[in-house]
C-alpha atoms as a PDB file:
ATOM      1  CA  MET A   1      75.974 -12.044 -37.845  1.00  0.00           C
ATOM      2  CA  LYS A   2      72.160 -11.903 -38.723  1.00  0.00           C
ATOM      3  CA  LEU A   3      72.275 -13.265 -42.163  1.00  0.00           C
ATOM      4  CA  PHE A   4      74.521 -15.874 -40.632  1.00  0.00           C
ATOM      5  CA  MET A   5      71.539 -16.735 -37.744  1.00  0.00           C
ATOM      6  CA  ARG A   6      68.921 -16.619 -40.639  1.00  0.00           C
ATOM      7  CA  LEU A   7      70.323 -19.438 -42.505  1.00  0.00           C
ATOM      8  CA  LEU A   8      70.836 -21.361 -39.395  1.00  0.00           C
ATOM      9  CA  LEU A   9      67.522 -21.178 -38.760  1.00  0.00           C
ATOM     10  CA  SER A  10      66.279 -22.128 -42.132  1.00  0.00           C
ATOM     11  CA  MET A  11      68.637 -24.740 -42.357  1.00  0.00           C
ATOM     12  CA  ALA A  12      67.314 -26.221 -39.408  1.00  0.00           C
ATOM     13  CA  ALA A  13      63.660 -25.877 -40.674  1.00  0.00           C
ATOM     14  CA  MET A  14      64.907 -27.981 -43.657  1.00  0.00           C
ATOM     15  CA  VAL A  15      65.983 -30.553 -41.932  1.00  0.00           C
ATOM     16  CA  SER A  16      63.382 -30.608 -39.320  1.00  0.00           C
ATOM     17  CA  LEU A  17      60.679 -30.755 -42.610  1.00  0.00           C
ATOM     18  CA  MET A  18      62.718 -33.517 -43.640  1.00  0.00           C
ATOM     19  CA  ALA A  19      62.874 -35.871 -40.733  1.00  0.00           C
ATOM     20  CA  GLY A  20      59.000 -35.238 -40.129  1.00  0.00           C
ATOM     21  CA  GLN A  21      58.624 -36.356 -43.780  1.00  0.00           C
ATOM     22  CA  ALA A  22      60.656 -39.514 -43.224  1.00  0.00           C
ATOM     23  CA  THR A  23      58.922 -40.358 -40.088  1.00  0.00           C
ATOM     24  CA  SER A  24      55.505 -39.256 -40.926  1.00  0.00           C
ATOM     25  CA  GLN A  25      54.302 -42.726 -42.259  1.00  0.00           C
ATOM     26  CA  ARG A  26      51.423 -43.697 -39.647  1.00  0.00           C
ATOM     27  CA  PRO A  27      51.710 -47.536 -38.255  1.00  0.00           C
ATOM     28  CA  GLY A  28      49.411 -49.645 -39.882  1.00  0.00           C
ATOM     29  CA  SER A  29      49.322 -47.457 -42.677  1.00  0.00           C
ATOM     30  CA  ALA A  30      49.265 -49.086 -46.424  1.00  0.00           C
ATOM     31  CA  CYS A  31      53.093 -48.661 -47.363  1.00  0.00           C
ATOM     32  CA  ASP A  32      53.160 -50.847 -43.533  1.00  0.00           C
ATOM     33  CA  VAL A  33      51.577 -53.665 -45.642  1.00  0.00           C
ATOM     34  CA  VAL A  34      52.858 -53.127 -49.318  1.00  0.00           C
ATOM     35  CA  GLY A  35      56.289 -53.523 -47.377  1.00  0.00           C
ATOM     36  CA  GLN A  36      55.240 -56.164 -45.543  1.00  0.00           C
ATOM     37  CA  ALA A  37      54.120 -57.843 -48.970  1.00  0.00           C
ATOM     38  CA  LEU A  38      57.958 -57.031 -50.919  1.00  0.00           C
ATOM     39  CA  LYS A  39      59.419 -58.975 -48.327  1.00  0.00           C
ATOM     40  CA  ASP A  40      57.157 -61.953 -48.274  1.00  0.00           C
ATOM     41  CA  GLY A  41      57.169 -61.809 -52.035  1.00  0.00           C
ATOM     42  CA  GLN A  42      61.141 -62.043 -51.474  1.00  0.00           C
ATOM     43  CA  VAL A  43      60.878 -65.951 -50.313  1.00  0.00           C
ATOM     44  CA  ILE A  44      59.070 -66.775 -53.593  1.00  0.00           C
ATOM     45  CA  THR A  45      62.317 -67.934 -55.494  1.00  0.00           C
ATOM     46  CA  ALA A  46      63.000 -70.706 -58.277  1.00  0.00           C
ATOM     47  CA  GLY A  47      62.871 -74.268 -56.414  1.00  0.00           C
ATOM     48  CA  VAL A  48      60.457 -73.143 -53.533  1.00  0.00           C
ATOM     49  CA  ALA A  49      57.146 -75.052 -53.233  1.00  0.00           C
ATOM     50  CA  ARG A  50      53.489 -74.395 -53.613  1.00  0.00           C
ATOM     51  CA  ARG A  51      52.972 -74.744 -49.860  1.00  0.00           C
ATOM     52  CA  GLU A  52      55.946 -72.086 -49.024  1.00  0.00           C
ATOM     53  CA  VAL A  53      54.130 -69.273 -51.833  1.00  0.00           C
ATOM     54  CA  GLU A  54      50.540 -70.190 -50.222  1.00  0.00           C
ATOM     55  CA  LYS A  55      51.311 -69.122 -46.566  1.00  0.00           C
ATOM     56  CA  TYR A  56      51.672 -65.677 -47.812  1.00  0.00           C
ATOM     57  CA  PHE A  57      49.604 -65.251 -51.312  1.00  0.00           C
ATOM     58  CA  GLU A  58      46.340 -67.330 -52.283  1.00  0.00           C
ATOM     59  CA  ARG A  59      44.966 -68.242 -55.656  1.00  0.00           C
ATOM     60  CA  ASP A  60      43.578 -64.848 -57.271  1.00  0.00           C
ATOM     61  CA  GLY A  61      40.010 -65.604 -59.102  1.00  0.00           C
ATOM     62  CA  GLY A  62      39.184 -66.761 -62.434  1.00  0.00           C
ATOM     63  CA  ALA A  63      40.850 -69.396 -64.354  1.00  0.00           C
ATOM     64  CA  GLN A  64      43.653 -70.983 -63.010  1.00  0.00           C
ATOM     65  CA  PHE A  65      46.180 -73.385 -64.134  1.00  0.00           C
ATOM     66  CA  PRO A  66      48.943 -75.937 -61.952  1.00  0.00           C
ATOM     67  CA  THR A  67      51.432 -74.568 -63.830  1.00  0.00           C
ATOM     68  CA  SER A  68      50.342 -70.972 -64.127  1.00  0.00           C
ATOM     69  CA  THR A  69      48.726 -69.200 -61.441  1.00  0.00           C
ATOM     70  CA  ARG A  70      47.911 -65.957 -60.155  1.00  0.00           C
ATOM     71  CA  TYR A  71      48.325 -64.997 -56.592  1.00  0.00           C
ATOM     72  CA  VAL A  72      47.272 -61.967 -54.466  1.00  0.00           C
ATOM     73  CA  TYR A  73      48.706 -61.125 -50.928  1.00  0.00           C
ATOM     74  CA  ILE A  74      46.585 -62.170 -47.987  1.00  0.00           C
ATOM     75  CA  GLU A  75      46.207 -58.764 -46.167  1.00  0.00           C
ATOM     76  CA  CYS A  76      45.624 -56.812 -49.409  1.00  0.00           C
ATOM     77  CA  HIS A  77      44.280 -58.761 -52.774  1.00  0.00           C
ATOM     78  CA  TYR A  78      45.167 -55.443 -54.875  1.00  0.00           C
ATOM     79  CA  LEU A  79      48.965 -57.163 -54.683  1.00  0.00           C
ATOM     80  CA  HIS A  80      49.409 -59.299 -57.136  1.00  0.00           C
ATOM     81  CA  LEU A  81      52.127 -62.134 -58.252  1.00  0.00           C
ATOM     82  CA  ASP A  82      52.416 -64.479 -61.145  1.00  0.00           C
ATOM     83  CA  VAL A  83      54.002 -67.712 -60.782  1.00  0.00           C
ATOM     84  CA  GLU A  84      55.144 -70.860 -62.764  1.00  0.00           C
ATOM     85  CA  PHE A  85      55.490 -73.849 -61.118  1.00  0.00           C
ATOM     86  CA  GLU A  86      56.679 -77.520 -62.589  1.00  0.00           C
ATOM     87  CA  THR A  87      54.301 -79.668 -61.050  1.00  0.00           C
ATOM     88  CA  LYS A  88      54.795 -82.462 -59.187  1.00  0.00           C
ATOM     89  CA  GLY A  89      50.968 -83.697 -58.112  1.00  0.00           C
ATOM     90  CA  LEU A  90      49.451 -86.585 -58.281  1.00  0.00           C
ATOM     91  CA  PRO A  91      46.771 -87.298 -60.692  1.00  0.00           C
ATOM     92  CA  GLY A  92      43.749 -86.093 -59.963  1.00  0.00           C
ATOM     93  CA  ARG A  93      45.225 -83.526 -57.692  1.00  0.00           C
ATOM     94  CA  LEU A  94      45.629 -80.250 -59.756  1.00  0.00           C
ATOM     95  CA  PHE A  95      47.709 -77.782 -57.310  1.00  0.00           C
ATOM     96  CA  SER A  96      49.895 -80.101 -55.081  1.00  0.00           C
ATOM     97  CA  PRO A  97      51.745 -78.198 -52.710  1.00  0.00           C
ATOM     98  CA  ASP A  98      54.913 -80.200 -53.324  1.00  0.00           C
ATOM     99  CA  ASP A  99      54.826 -78.410 -56.900  1.00  0.00           C
ATOM    100  CA  VAL A 100      58.040 -76.255 -57.567  1.00  0.00           C
ATOM    101  CA  VAL A 101      58.219 -72.648 -58.642  1.00  0.00           C
ATOM    102  CA  VAL A 102      59.811 -72.051 -61.625  1.00  0.00           C
ATOM    103  CA  LYS A 103      59.904 -68.201 -62.328  1.00  0.00           C
ATOM    104  CA  ALA A 104      57.621 -65.722 -60.128  1.00  0.00           C
ATOM    105  CA  SER A 105      57.185 -61.967 -61.337  1.00  0.00           C
ATOM    106  CA  LYS A 106      57.637 -58.984 -59.000  1.00  0.00           C
ATOM    107  CA  LEU A 107      54.769 -57.940 -57.038  1.00  0.00           C
ATOM    108  CA  TYR A 108      52.429 -55.772 -58.939  1.00  0.00           C
ATOM    109  CA  VAL A 109      48.815 -53.918 -58.382  1.00  0.00           C
ATOM    110  CA  ASP A 110      45.874 -54.664 -60.022  1.00  0.00           C
ATOM    111  CA  TYR A 111      42.223 -55.209 -59.473  1.00  0.00           C
ATOM    112  CA  SER A 112      41.023 -58.656 -58.376  1.00  0.00           C
ATOM    113  CA  SER A 113      39.537 -61.141 -60.755  1.00  0.00           C
ATOM    114  CA  LYS A 114      36.155 -61.954 -59.908  1.00  0.00           C
ATOM    115  CA  ASP A 115      34.509 -65.808 -60.033  1.00  0.00           C
END
């Protein structure tokens, strides 16, 4: 009987520890920002206009091109997304909000480029 009680108490302790680990994430933590960035990044698919991309991401520093642009997440500039576009802009307007996404990378972590 004592062995059964010890086993039961050990299992209860393990379950409570596992539950504590699953809920130990604090509100406002980095995981919250990353989770939101992943959700926002799912919106960026082929056929979406540049204006939609720029609701969640902004152009990174350094050399950028209308057909291939590197973005950083607005809430955390360590989170990057590379996007290829089919340009739709007027002459003289390099980064048109009407440009259409052809391909987008998965979100990745890196330092921001400096101008």
